[in-house]
């Protein structure tokens, strides 16, 4: 199992991505054979989350993942093809970034009123 490396996260204002090696990761030339030669050997960027509306707590997510999860564990929990029982809802849910973080024990900051 591979621990997250804080330096390998990238944030573009909406998408949080991870570009580190882990079990099952692929290189850029495997994903896109016609990629620029400077990309050869680099790990493919892996989707972590999209923050579309409201607050964008991406730094909290990065800090939590680095301290509490492995890359493989998070990817499996966030995969929409996987189903698992949610304690919060009391029934089976599909994987998603939010469901993965809840399962791992992430508690979002309360909104100020």
N, C-alpha and C. Protein backbone atom coordinates (compact mmCIF):
# COMPACT_ATOMS: atom_id res chain seq x y z
N UNK A 1 0.84 -1.18 0.00
CA UNK A 1 0.00 0.00 0.00
C UNK A 1 0.89 1.25 0.00
N UNK A 2 0.46 2.25 -0.74
CA UNK A 2 1.26 3.45 -0.96
C UNK A 2 0.66 4.65 -0.23
N UNK A 3 1.47 5.30 0.58
CA UNK A 3 1.01 6.50 1.27
C UNK A 3 0.97 7.66 0.29
N UNK A 4 0.03 8.59 0.48
CA UNK A 4 -0.02 9.80 -0.32
C UNK A 4 1.19 10.68 -0.01
N UNK A 5 1.71 11.37 -1.02
CA UNK A 5 2.80 12.32 -0.87
C UNK A 5 2.22 13.71 -1.14
N UNK A 6 2.27 14.59 -0.16
CA UNK A 6 1.66 15.92 -0.27
C UNK A 6 2.15 16.69 -1.49
N UNK A 7 3.41 16.50 -1.86
CA UNK A 7 4.02 17.23 -2.98
C UNK A 7 3.49 16.80 -4.34
N UNK A 8 2.79 15.68 -4.41
CA UNK A 8 2.34 15.15 -5.69
C UNK A 8 0.88 15.47 -6.01
N UNK A 9 0.25 16.30 -5.17
CA UNK A 9 -1.10 16.77 -5.44
C UNK A 9 -1.03 18.02 -6.30
N UNK A 10 -2.05 18.22 -7.14
CA UNK A 10 -2.17 19.48 -7.87
C UNK A 10 -3.62 19.94 -7.81
N UNK A 11 -3.80 21.24 -7.79
CA UNK A 11 -5.12 21.86 -7.67
C UNK A 11 -5.21 22.95 -8.73
N UNK A 12 -6.26 22.93 -9.56
CA UNK A 12 -6.39 23.93 -10.63
C UNK A 12 -7.56 24.88 -10.42
N UNK A 13 -8.14 24.88 -9.24
CA UNK A 13 -9.28 25.74 -8.97
C UNK A 13 -10.60 24.98 -8.94
N UNK A 14 -10.62 23.79 -9.52
CA UNK A 14 -11.82 22.95 -9.49
C UNK A 14 -11.47 21.48 -9.23
N UNK A 15 -10.41 21.00 -9.84
CA UNK A 15 -10.04 19.58 -9.75
C UNK A 15 -8.81 19.38 -8.88
N UNK A 16 -8.90 18.38 -8.00
CA UNK A 16 -7.77 17.94 -7.20
C UNK A 16 -7.27 16.65 -7.82
N UNK A 17 -5.99 16.63 -8.22
CA UNK A 17 -5.40 15.49 -8.90
C UNK A 17 -4.18 15.02 -8.12
N UNK A 18 -3.77 13.76 -8.37
CA UNK A 18 -2.59 13.19 -7.74
C UNK A 18 -1.72 12.57 -8.82
N UNK A 19 -0.43 12.91 -8.81
CA UNK A 19 0.47 12.38 -9.83
C UNK A 19 1.65 11.68 -9.17
N UNK A 20 1.34 10.59 -8.48
CA UNK A 20 2.37 9.79 -7.85
C UNK A 20 2.20 8.33 -8.24
N UNK A 21 3.26 7.57 -8.06
CA UNK A 21 3.19 6.14 -8.38
C UNK A 21 2.51 5.39 -7.24
N UNK A 22 1.74 4.37 -7.61
CA UNK A 22 1.08 3.50 -6.64
C UNK A 22 0.80 2.19 -7.34
N UNK A 23 0.38 1.19 -6.58
CA UNK A 23 0.08 -0.12 -7.16
C UNK A 23 -1.04 0.01 -8.19
N UNK A 24 -0.77 -0.36 -9.43
CA UNK A 24 -1.75 -0.26 -10.49
C UNK A 24 -1.68 1.03 -11.29
N UNK A 25 -0.78 1.94 -10.91
CA UNK A 25 -0.69 3.20 -11.67
C UNK A 25 -0.04 2.95 -13.03
N UNK A 26 -0.33 3.86 -13.95
CA UNK A 26 0.22 3.74 -15.30
C UNK A 26 1.05 4.99 -15.60
N UNK A 27 1.92 4.87 -16.60
CA UNK A 27 2.72 6.02 -17.00
C UNK A 27 2.01 6.78 -18.11
N UNK A 28 2.43 8.00 -18.33
CA UNK A 28 1.79 8.85 -19.33
C UNK A 28 1.84 8.24 -20.73
N UNK A 29 2.96 7.60 -21.10
CA UNK A 29 3.02 7.02 -22.45
C UNK A 29 2.15 5.78 -22.60
N UNK A 30 1.83 5.11 -21.48
CA UNK A 30 0.88 3.99 -21.54
C UNK A 30 -0.53 4.50 -21.82
N UNK A 31 -0.86 5.62 -21.22
CA UNK A 31 -2.19 6.21 -21.35
C UNK A 31 -2.34 6.93 -22.69
N UNK A 32 -1.30 7.64 -23.07
CA UNK A 32 -1.33 8.44 -24.31
C UNK A 32 -0.02 8.21 -25.07
N UNK A 33 0.03 7.19 -25.94
CA UNK A 33 1.27 6.85 -26.64
C UNK A 33 1.90 8.00 -27.43
N UNK A 34 1.10 8.98 -27.85
CA UNK A 34 1.64 10.11 -28.62
C UNK A 34 1.98 11.32 -27.76
N UNK A 35 2.12 11.11 -26.45
CA UNK A 35 2.42 12.24 -25.57
C UNK A 35 3.82 12.77 -25.83
N UNK A 36 4.07 13.96 -25.36
CA UNK A 36 5.37 14.60 -25.51
C UNK A 36 6.45 13.74 -24.85
N UNK A 37 7.62 13.62 -25.48
CA UNK A 37 8.69 12.78 -24.91
C UNK A 37 9.08 13.15 -23.47
N UNK A 38 8.92 14.41 -23.09
CA UNK A 38 9.27 14.81 -21.72
C UNK A 38 8.33 14.19 -20.68
N UNK A 39 7.18 13.68 -21.13
CA UNK A 39 6.23 13.06 -20.21
C UNK A 39 6.50 11.57 -20.01
N UNK A 40 7.36 10.98 -20.83
CA UNK A 40 7.64 9.54 -20.73
C UNK A 40 8.18 9.21 -19.34
N UNK A 41 7.62 8.18 -18.75
CA UNK A 41 8.04 7.73 -17.42
C UNK A 41 7.32 8.41 -16.28
N UNK A 42 6.61 9.49 -16.57
CA UNK A 42 5.86 10.18 -15.51
C UNK A 42 4.58 9.42 -15.20
N UNK A 43 4.17 9.36 -13.92
CA UNK A 43 2.90 8.71 -13.60
C UNK A 43 1.72 9.51 -14.16
N UNK A 44 0.68 8.80 -14.55
CA UNK A 44 -0.55 9.43 -15.01
C UNK A 44 -1.17 10.22 -13.85
N UNK A 45 -1.82 11.33 -14.16
CA UNK A 45 -2.54 12.08 -13.13
C UNK A 45 -3.81 11.33 -12.78
N UNK A 46 -4.08 11.17 -11.48
CA UNK A 46 -5.23 10.44 -10.99
C UNK A 46 -6.23 11.40 -10.35
N UNK A 47 -7.49 11.30 -10.75
CA UNK A 47 -8.55 12.15 -10.21
C UNK A 47 -8.78 11.83 -8.74
N UNK A 48 -8.81 12.88 -7.92
CA UNK A 48 -9.12 12.72 -6.49
C UNK A 48 -10.50 13.30 -6.19
N UNK A 49 -10.76 14.53 -6.62
CA UNK A 49 -12.06 15.14 -6.34
C UNK A 49 -12.27 16.38 -7.20
N UNK A 50 -13.54 16.74 -7.34
CA UNK A 50 -13.91 17.99 -8.00
C UNK A 50 -14.70 18.81 -7.00
N UNK A 51 -14.30 20.05 -6.83
CA UNK A 51 -15.00 20.97 -5.93
C UNK A 51 -15.69 22.00 -6.81
N UNK A 52 -16.98 21.78 -7.03
CA UNK A 52 -17.72 22.56 -8.01
C UNK A 52 -18.38 23.79 -7.42
N UNK A 53 -19.04 23.65 -6.29
CA UNK A 53 -19.82 24.75 -5.71
C UNK A 53 -19.37 25.05 -4.29
N UNK A 54 -19.64 26.25 -3.84
CA UNK A 54 -19.41 26.62 -2.45
C UNK A 54 -17.94 26.62 -2.07
N UNK A 55 -17.68 26.30 -0.81
CA UNK A 55 -16.29 26.29 -0.34
C UNK A 55 -15.53 25.17 -1.02
N UNK A 56 -14.25 25.35 -1.12
CA UNK A 56 -13.40 24.36 -1.79
C UNK A 56 -12.29 23.94 -0.82
N UNK A 57 -12.61 23.00 0.08
CA UNK A 57 -11.66 22.63 1.14
C UNK A 57 -10.58 21.65 0.67
N UNK A 58 -9.98 21.90 -0.47
CA UNK A 58 -9.03 20.95 -1.03
C UNK A 58 -7.81 20.75 -0.14
N UNK A 59 -7.36 21.79 0.56
CA UNK A 59 -6.19 21.65 1.44
C UNK A 59 -6.51 20.71 2.61
N UNK A 60 -7.73 20.79 3.14
CA UNK A 60 -8.14 19.89 4.22
C UNK A 60 -8.15 18.45 3.73
N UNK A 61 -8.63 18.24 2.48
CA UNK A 61 -8.66 16.91 1.90
C UNK A 61 -7.25 16.37 1.76
N UNK A 62 -6.33 17.17 1.24
CA UNK A 62 -4.94 16.72 1.04
C UNK A 62 -4.33 16.35 2.39
N UNK A 63 -4.46 17.22 3.38
CA UNK A 63 -3.88 16.93 4.70
C UNK A 63 -4.47 15.66 5.30
N UNK A 64 -5.78 15.49 5.18
CA UNK A 64 -6.43 14.29 5.72
C UNK A 64 -5.93 13.04 5.01
N UNK A 65 -5.89 13.07 3.68
CA UNK A 65 -5.46 11.88 2.93
C UNK A 65 -4.01 11.51 3.23
N UNK A 66 -3.14 12.49 3.33
CA UNK A 66 -1.74 12.22 3.63
C UNK A 66 -1.60 11.52 4.99
N UNK A 67 -2.39 11.95 5.96
CA UNK A 67 -2.30 11.40 7.32
C UNK A 67 -3.07 10.10 7.53
N UNK A 68 -4.16 9.87 6.75
CA UNK A 68 -5.09 8.80 7.10
C UNK A 68 -5.39 7.74 6.06
N UNK A 69 -4.83 7.83 4.87
CA UNK A 69 -5.24 6.87 3.83
C UNK A 69 -4.07 6.50 2.93
N UNK A 70 -4.26 5.39 2.25
CA UNK A 70 -3.31 5.02 1.19
C UNK A 70 -3.97 5.36 -0.14
N UNK A 71 -3.16 5.52 -1.16
CA UNK A 71 -3.69 5.86 -2.48
C UNK A 71 -4.65 4.76 -2.95
N UNK A 72 -4.24 3.51 -2.83
CA UNK A 72 -5.07 2.40 -3.29
C UNK A 72 -6.40 2.33 -2.55
N UNK A 73 -6.37 2.56 -1.25
CA UNK A 73 -7.57 2.53 -0.42
C UNK A 73 -8.56 3.61 -0.86
N UNK A 74 -8.06 4.83 -1.05
CA UNK A 74 -8.93 5.93 -1.46
C UNK A 74 -9.51 5.69 -2.85
N UNK A 75 -8.68 5.26 -3.79
CA UNK A 75 -9.16 5.03 -5.15
C UNK A 75 -10.25 3.96 -5.18
N UNK A 76 -10.08 2.90 -4.41
CA UNK A 76 -11.10 1.86 -4.36
C UNK A 76 -12.41 2.40 -3.78
N UNK A 77 -12.33 3.15 -2.68
CA UNK A 77 -13.54 3.69 -2.05
C UNK A 77 -14.24 4.74 -2.92
N UNK A 78 -13.48 5.48 -3.71
CA UNK A 78 -14.08 6.55 -4.50
C UNK A 78 -14.56 6.09 -5.87
N UNK A 79 -14.24 4.86 -6.26
CA UNK A 79 -14.65 4.35 -7.57
C UNK A 79 -16.16 4.15 -7.60
N UNK A 80 -16.83 4.82 -8.55
CA UNK A 80 -18.30 4.76 -8.61
C UNK A 80 -18.84 3.37 -8.93
N UNK A 81 -18.00 2.47 -9.41
CA UNK A 81 -18.45 1.10 -9.71
C UNK A 81 -18.53 0.24 -8.46
N UNK A 82 -17.88 0.68 -7.39
CA UNK A 82 -17.90 -0.08 -6.13
C UNK A 82 -19.08 0.36 -5.27
N UNK A 83 -19.66 -0.59 -4.57
CA UNK A 83 -20.74 -0.30 -3.64
C UNK A 83 -20.29 -0.72 -2.25
N UNK A 84 -20.70 0.04 -1.25
CA UNK A 84 -20.39 -0.33 0.13
C UNK A 84 -21.45 0.24 1.05
N UNK A 85 -21.54 -0.33 2.23
CA UNK A 85 -22.54 0.09 3.21
C UNK A 85 -22.10 1.39 3.87
N UNK A 86 -22.97 2.37 3.91
CA UNK A 86 -22.69 3.66 4.54
C UNK A 86 -23.35 3.71 5.91
N UNK A 87 -22.55 3.90 6.95
CA UNK A 87 -23.08 4.06 8.30
C UNK A 87 -23.95 5.32 8.37
N UNK A 88 -23.53 6.36 7.68
CA UNK A 88 -24.25 7.64 7.73
C UNK A 88 -25.68 7.52 7.20
N UNK A 89 -25.83 6.82 6.08
CA UNK A 89 -27.15 6.72 5.45
C UNK A 89 -27.91 5.45 5.82
N UNK A 90 -27.20 4.43 6.27
CA UNK A 90 -27.85 3.20 6.67
C UNK A 90 -28.20 2.26 5.52
N UNK A 91 -27.59 2.49 4.37
CA UNK A 91 -27.81 1.61 3.22
C UNK A 91 -26.58 1.63 2.31
N UNK A 92 -26.63 0.80 1.30
CA UNK A 92 -25.50 0.67 0.38
C UNK A 92 -25.44 1.86 -0.58
N UNK A 93 -24.25 2.40 -0.79
CA UNK A 93 -24.05 3.54 -1.69
C UNK A 93 -22.95 3.21 -2.68
N UNK A 94 -22.96 3.94 -3.80
CA UNK A 94 -21.87 3.82 -4.76
C UNK A 94 -20.69 4.65 -4.26
N UNK A 95 -19.50 4.26 -4.68
CA UNK A 95 -18.32 5.01 -4.31
C UNK A 95 -18.33 6.39 -4.94
N UNK A 96 -17.76 7.34 -4.23
CA UNK A 96 -17.59 8.71 -4.71
C UNK A 96 -16.52 9.35 -3.84
N UNK A 97 -15.95 10.47 -4.28
CA UNK A 97 -14.97 11.12 -3.41
C UNK A 97 -15.52 11.47 -2.03
N UNK A 98 -16.74 11.99 -1.97
CA UNK A 98 -17.32 12.36 -0.67
C UNK A 98 -17.57 11.11 0.18
N UNK A 99 -18.13 10.07 -0.42
CA UNK A 99 -18.37 8.82 0.32
C UNK A 99 -17.06 8.23 0.81
N UNK A 100 -16.01 8.29 -0.01
CA UNK A 100 -14.71 7.76 0.40
C UNK A 100 -14.18 8.51 1.61
N UNK A 101 -14.26 9.83 1.56
CA UNK A 101 -13.76 10.63 2.68
C UNK A 101 -14.56 10.37 3.95
N UNK A 102 -15.89 10.25 3.83
CA UNK A 102 -16.72 9.95 5.00
C UNK A 102 -16.36 8.59 5.58
N UNK A 103 -16.16 7.61 4.71
CA UNK A 103 -15.80 6.26 5.16
C UNK A 103 -14.46 6.26 5.89
N UNK A 104 -13.53 7.08 5.42
CA UNK A 104 -12.22 7.18 6.05
C UNK A 104 -12.23 7.98 7.35
N UNK A 105 -13.36 8.66 7.64
CA UNK A 105 -13.50 9.38 8.90
C UNK A 105 -13.34 10.88 8.80
N UNK A 106 -13.32 11.43 7.59
CA UNK A 106 -13.17 12.87 7.41
C UNK A 106 -14.42 13.59 7.91
N UNK A 107 -14.23 14.62 8.71
CA UNK A 107 -15.33 15.43 9.21
C UNK A 107 -15.15 16.84 8.66
N UNK A 108 -16.04 17.26 7.75
CA UNK A 108 -15.91 18.62 7.21
C UNK A 108 -16.13 19.67 8.29
N UNK A 109 -15.49 20.79 8.11
CA UNK A 109 -15.65 21.90 9.06
C UNK A 109 -17.09 22.40 9.01
N UNK A 110 -17.63 22.72 10.17
CA UNK A 110 -18.99 23.24 10.24
C UNK A 110 -19.04 24.63 9.62
N UNK A 111 -20.12 24.91 8.90
CA UNK A 111 -20.30 26.23 8.29
C UNK A 111 -20.63 27.24 9.37
N UNK A 112 -20.06 28.42 9.22
CA UNK A 112 -20.37 29.50 10.17
C UNK A 112 -21.71 30.11 9.82
N UNK A 113 -22.48 30.46 10.86
CA UNK A 113 -23.78 31.08 10.58
C UNK A 113 -23.80 32.52 10.99
